[in-house]
Protein backbone atom coordinates (compact mmCIF):
# COMPACT_ATOMS: atom_id res chain seq x y z
CA MET A 1 -17.44 13.07 -15.43
CA SER A 2 -18.53 16.66 -15.37
CA ARG A 3 -16.07 19.49 -15.79
CA GLY A 4 -15.06 21.03 -12.57
CA SER A 5 -15.67 17.95 -10.40
CA LEU A 6 -12.00 18.20 -9.30
CA ALA A 7 -11.82 21.99 -9.50
CA GLY A 8 -8.45 23.35 -8.31
CA LEU A 9 -7.22 19.96 -6.91
CA ARG A 10 -3.46 19.52 -7.33
CA ILE A 11 -3.16 15.92 -8.35
CA MET A 12 0.36 14.31 -8.38
CA LEU A 13 0.72 11.65 -11.18
CA THR A 14 3.40 9.03 -10.59
CA ARG A 15 2.96 7.28 -13.82
CA PRO A 16 6.14 6.90 -15.86
CA GLU A 17 6.53 9.12 -18.96
CA GLY A 18 5.09 7.61 -22.12
CA GLU A 19 2.62 5.28 -20.40
CA GLY A 20 -0.56 7.18 -20.96
CA ALA A 21 0.41 9.88 -18.51
CA GLU A 22 -0.41 12.63 -21.15
CA GLU A 23 -3.85 11.23 -21.55
CA TRP A 24 -4.48 11.12 -17.93
CA ALA A 25 -3.29 14.53 -17.29
CA ALA A 26 -5.63 15.88 -20.05
CA ALA A 27 -8.53 14.08 -18.46
CA LEU A 28 -7.72 15.68 -15.16
CA VAL A 29 -7.56 19.14 -16.56
CA GLN A 30 -10.92 18.47 -18.22
CA ALA A 31 -12.23 17.68 -14.64
CA GLY A 32 -10.75 21.02 -13.40
CA ALA A 33 -7.76 19.57 -11.68
CA VAL A 34 -4.03 20.70 -11.87
CA PRO A 35 -2.02 17.62 -12.74
CA ILE A 36 1.61 17.51 -11.56
CA ALA A 37 3.88 14.99 -13.22
CA TYR A 38 6.03 13.17 -10.71
CA PRO A 39 7.13 9.80 -12.14
CA THR A 40 8.55 7.43 -9.58
CA VAL A 41 9.68 4.80 -11.92
CA ALA A 42 11.37 4.65 -15.50
CA ILE A 43 10.48 2.44 -18.24
CA LEU A 44 13.42 0.64 -19.79
CA PRO A 45 14.02 -2.00 -22.57
CA PRO A 46 14.40 -5.61 -21.61
CA LYS A 47 17.81 -6.82 -20.70
CA SER A 48 17.73 -9.00 -23.92
CA TRP A 49 15.50 -8.56 -26.95
CA GLN A 50 16.25 -12.11 -28.18
CA PRO A 51 13.03 -13.76 -26.89
CA VAL A 52 10.96 -10.83 -28.43
CA ASP A 53 12.67 -11.06 -31.73
CA GLU A 54 12.17 -14.76 -31.94
CA ALA A 55 8.58 -14.43 -31.25
CA ALA A 56 8.23 -11.64 -33.78
CA ALA A 57 9.88 -13.79 -36.40
CA LYS A 58 7.21 -16.43 -35.96
CA LEU A 59 4.01 -14.36 -35.81
CA ASP A 60 2.34 -16.41 -38.30
CA THR A 61 2.42 -19.38 -35.80
CA TYR A 62 0.19 -17.55 -33.23
CA ASP A 63 -3.59 -17.72 -33.02
CA TRP A 64 -3.89 -14.79 -30.73
CA MET A 65 -1.71 -12.03 -29.42
CA VAL A 66 -2.61 -10.35 -26.01
CA PHE A 67 -1.63 -6.87 -24.74
CA THR A 68 -2.06 -5.65 -21.31
CA SER A 69 -0.73 -2.12 -21.69
CA GLN A 70 0.02 0.62 -24.15
CA THR A 71 3.75 0.34 -23.08
CA ALA A 72 3.76 -3.41 -24.08
CA VAL A 73 2.25 -2.46 -27.42
CA ARG A 74 4.72 0.23 -28.16
CA PHE A 75 7.86 -1.95 -27.17
CA PHE A 76 6.66 -4.93 -29.03
CA ALA A 77 5.80 -3.04 -32.30
CA SER A 78 9.26 -1.40 -32.14
CA ARG A 79 10.87 -4.77 -32.82
CA LEU A 80 8.63 -5.47 -35.91
CA SER A 81 10.36 -4.85 -39.27
CA THR A 82 8.06 -1.96 -40.16
CA GLY A 83 7.45 -0.75 -36.61
CA GLN A 84 3.84 -1.54 -37.19
CA PHE A 85 1.42 -4.57 -37.19
CA ALA A 86 1.02 -6.04 -40.59
CA SER A 87 -2.34 -5.81 -42.35
CA ASP A 88 -2.32 -9.50 -43.02
CA LEU A 89 -1.45 -10.52 -39.45
CA ARG A 90 -2.77 -14.02 -38.93
CA ALA A 91 -3.17 -13.78 -35.26
CA LYS A 92 -6.23 -12.13 -33.60
CA ILE A 93 -5.44 -9.44 -31.11
CA ALA A 94 -6.93 -9.01 -27.71
CA ALA A 95 -6.46 -5.97 -25.57
CA VAL A 96 -6.85 -5.06 -21.82
CA GLY A 97 -8.62 -1.59 -21.80
CA LYS A 98 -9.71 0.95 -24.43
CA SER A 99 -6.53 2.91 -24.27
CA THR A 100 -4.52 -0.28 -25.13
CA ALA A 101 -6.70 -1.10 -28.03
CA GLN A 102 -6.39 2.40 -29.34
CA SER A 103 -2.47 2.06 -29.24
CA ILE A 104 -2.74 -1.10 -31.24
CA GLU A 105 -5.05 0.50 -33.92
CA ARG A 106 -2.67 3.59 -34.17
CA LEU A 107 0.06 1.07 -35.22
CA GLY A 108 -2.01 -0.71 -37.92
CA GLY A 109 -3.35 -3.52 -35.74
CA ARG A 110 -6.94 -4.79 -35.70
CA VAL A 111 -8.28 -5.47 -32.35
CA THR A 112 -10.67 -8.40 -32.08
CA LEU A 113 -11.44 -8.30 -28.31
CA VAL A 114 -11.33 -5.70 -25.72
CA ALA A 115 -12.11 -6.95 -22.25
CA ALA A 116 -15.10 -5.38 -20.68
CA ASP A 117 -13.23 -5.75 -17.40
CA SER A 118 -9.98 -3.80 -18.05
CA ARG A 119 -7.83 -6.22 -16.14
CA GLN A 120 -6.34 -9.48 -16.84
CA GLU A 121 -9.25 -11.05 -15.08
CA GLY A 122 -11.47 -9.75 -17.71
CA LEU A 123 -9.47 -11.58 -20.36
CA VAL A 124 -9.26 -14.73 -18.32
CA GLU A 125 -13.09 -14.75 -18.46
CA GLU A 126 -13.43 -13.84 -22.17
CA LEU A 127 -10.61 -16.04 -23.52
CA GLY A 128 -11.38 -18.95 -21.16
CA LEU A 129 -13.40 -20.71 -23.75
CA LEU A 130 -10.42 -21.05 -26.30
CA ALA A 131 -9.82 -24.53 -27.53
CA ALA A 132 -7.06 -26.55 -26.03
CA GLY A 133 -3.95 -26.29 -28.24
CA THR A 134 -4.62 -22.55 -29.09
CA HIS A 135 -1.17 -20.78 -29.46
CA LEU A 136 -0.99 -17.34 -27.74
CA LEU A 137 1.76 -14.64 -27.49
CA LEU A 138 1.62 -12.51 -24.16
CA PRO A 139 4.22 -9.63 -24.29
CA LEU A 140 4.56 -8.27 -20.68
CA ALA A 141 6.66 -6.18 -18.37
CA ALA A 142 9.31 -7.98 -16.46
CA GLY A 143 7.71 -9.42 -13.33
CA GLY A 144 4.30 -8.51 -14.70
CA ARG A 145 1.22 -10.39 -13.63
CA THR A 146 1.00 -13.82 -15.20
CA LEU A 147 -2.64 -14.65 -14.16
CA LEU A 148 -3.85 -14.90 -17.84
CA ALA A 149 -0.95 -17.08 -18.83
CA ARG A 150 -1.51 -19.53 -16.03
CA SER A 151 -5.25 -19.67 -16.50
CA LEU A 152 -4.90 -20.30 -20.27
CA ARG A 153 -2.21 -22.95 -19.76
CA ALA A 154 -4.39 -24.80 -17.23
CA SER A 155 -7.15 -24.93 -20.12
CA GLY A 156 -4.64 -26.44 -22.36
CA CYS A 157 -3.56 -23.49 -24.46
CA THR A 158 0.11 -22.82 -25.32
CA VAL A 159 1.20 -19.39 -24.09
CA ASP A 160 4.61 -17.72 -24.90
CA VAL A 161 5.32 -14.99 -22.52
CA VAL A 162 8.04 -12.51 -23.50
CA THR A 163 9.50 -9.60 -21.55
CA VAL A 164 9.26 -6.38 -23.73
CA TYR A 165 10.06 -3.86 -20.99
CA ARG A 166 10.91 -3.41 -17.45
CA THR A 167 10.49 -0.69 -14.91
CA GLU A 168 13.11 0.42 -12.27
CA PRO A 169 12.50 2.82 -9.39
CA LYS A 170 13.95 6.36 -10.02
CA PRO A 171 16.67 6.90 -7.58
CA ASP A 172 16.91 9.87 -5.09
CA LEU A 173 13.51 11.35 -5.83
CA ALA A 174 13.32 14.99 -5.22
CA THR A 175 10.87 16.32 -2.46
CA PRO A 176 7.49 16.45 -4.32
CA PRO A 177 5.80 19.74 -4.96
CA GLU A 178 2.74 20.71 -3.02
CA PHE A 179 -0.20 18.44 -3.94
CA ASP A 180 -3.75 17.47 -2.63
CA VAL A 181 -3.99 13.99 -4.16
CA ALA A 182 -1.30 11.38 -5.16
CA VAL A 183 -2.21 9.00 -7.74
CA PHE A 184 -0.42 5.48 -8.01
CA ALA A 185 -1.33 3.34 -10.92
CA SER A 186 0.84 0.42 -10.12
CA PRO A 187 2.46 -1.32 -6.92
CA SER A 188 5.83 -0.45 -8.36
CA ALA A 189 5.23 3.14 -8.56
CA LEU A 190 4.06 3.18 -4.89
CA ARG A 191 6.90 1.08 -3.66
CA ALA A 192 9.40 3.31 -5.46
CA TYR A 193 7.90 6.35 -3.74
CA VAL A 194 7.84 4.93 -0.27
CA LYS A 195 11.37 3.50 -0.67
CA SER A 196 12.72 6.97 -1.64
CA LEU A 197 10.70 9.16 0.50
CA GLY A 198 8.72 7.22 3.06
CA THR A 199 5.18 8.17 3.72
CA SER A 200 5.43 11.47 5.62
CA HIS A 201 4.46 13.60 2.60
CA LEU A 202 1.39 11.56 2.05
CA ALA A 203 0.01 12.34 5.63
CA GLY A 204 -3.29 14.10 5.27
CA LYS A 205 -3.48 13.73 1.60
CA THR A 206 -5.85 11.75 -0.51
CA ILE A 207 -4.37 8.60 -2.14
CA ALA A 208 -5.98 7.33 -5.16
CA VAL A 209 -4.95 4.09 -6.74
CA ILE A 210 -5.83 1.80 -9.73
CA GLY A 211 -6.80 -1.80 -8.92
CA PRO A 212 -6.81 -4.01 -5.95
CA THR A 213 -3.04 -4.95 -6.22
CA THR A 214 -1.95 -1.33 -5.78
CA ALA A 215 -4.64 -0.86 -3.01
CA LYS A 216 -3.07 -3.88 -1.28
CA GLU A 217 0.39 -2.30 -1.59
CA ALA A 218 -1.00 0.84 -0.06
CA GLU A 219 -2.34 -1.06 2.92
CA ILE A 220 1.03 -2.81 3.43
CA ASN A 221 2.56 0.58 3.86
CA GLY A 222 -0.10 1.68 6.22
CA LEU A 223 -1.95 3.88 3.83
CA CYS A 224 -5.52 4.21 3.29
CA ALA A 225 -6.45 4.67 -0.54
CA VAL A 226 -9.30 5.51 -2.60
CA VAL A 227 -9.63 2.87 -5.27
CA ALA A 228 -10.99 3.35 -8.75
CA ASP A 229 -13.66 0.87 -9.78
CA THR A 230 -11.88 0.14 -13.08
CA PRO A 231 -8.27 0.80 -14.18
CA GLY A 232 -9.01 3.94 -16.33
CA VAL A 233 -8.81 7.60 -15.76
CA ASP A 234 -12.57 8.23 -15.86
CA ALA A 235 -13.02 5.85 -13.08
CA LEU A 236 -10.13 7.46 -11.18
CA VAL A 237 -11.65 10.93 -11.59
CA LEU A 238 -14.94 9.63 -10.26
CA ALA A 239 -13.28 7.82 -7.22
CA ILE A 240 -11.40 10.94 -6.30
CA SER A 241 -14.51 13.26 -6.75
CA ARG A 242 -16.53 10.91 -4.43
CA SER A 243 -13.83 11.01 -1.82
CA ARG A 244 -14.01 14.84 -1.45
CA PRO A 245 -16.21 16.47 1.16
CA ASN A 246 -19.54 17.57 -0.22
CA GLN A 247 -19.07 15.76 -3.59
CA GLY A 248 -21.31 13.04 -4.84
CA GLY A 249 -19.27 12.25 -8.04
CA THR A 250 -21.58 14.13 -10.53
């Protein structure tokens, strides 16, 4: 995406702190935008670490570990004895998206598979040929999508799903600062915003979302959203650029 394609646009980022928000802000600045941090949800530890710690204690029994977000990587690694993935880890590691893969590598892990489609759907396709009996560990957010687990179990794999973090709406959100574009990267971020503030501040603004599930949440709330083709900041910048008058996305 060329520098200046979003020149001067004030873009409100509702991603929680520590979930790639800094990288997104930097990419928006590179495109000429002015990012405004306005997290609508907070990331918290799970209510109990016991299932995570039990899984971490038997890592040598898993054939694959699958991570669907940078936050899942960070919270899971925090429960390992060294805070990093061991160099002799038996399990292969799969990641949803380049940023998630980079998070794993920064913590010493070796990523075997990064889905070309940066959603669980991509891993469903690429892991779908695993042999029955393959044992996988899937660390997720509380209430996270379980499409991958369901699909793999249907093909005869054993999948242990553990909750490594949870998100909660931030209560009593302050009136947002002036913005031109509001970005929502998850249905929970959008729900938290609407529950606290309604949709009046979004009237006449561009609403950009990541993925069909967040687009559906926008539709439920009577909002028309620009949808990034893939769940990454480059696709987001392109989608916003294309939505602007007299912009072709180049």
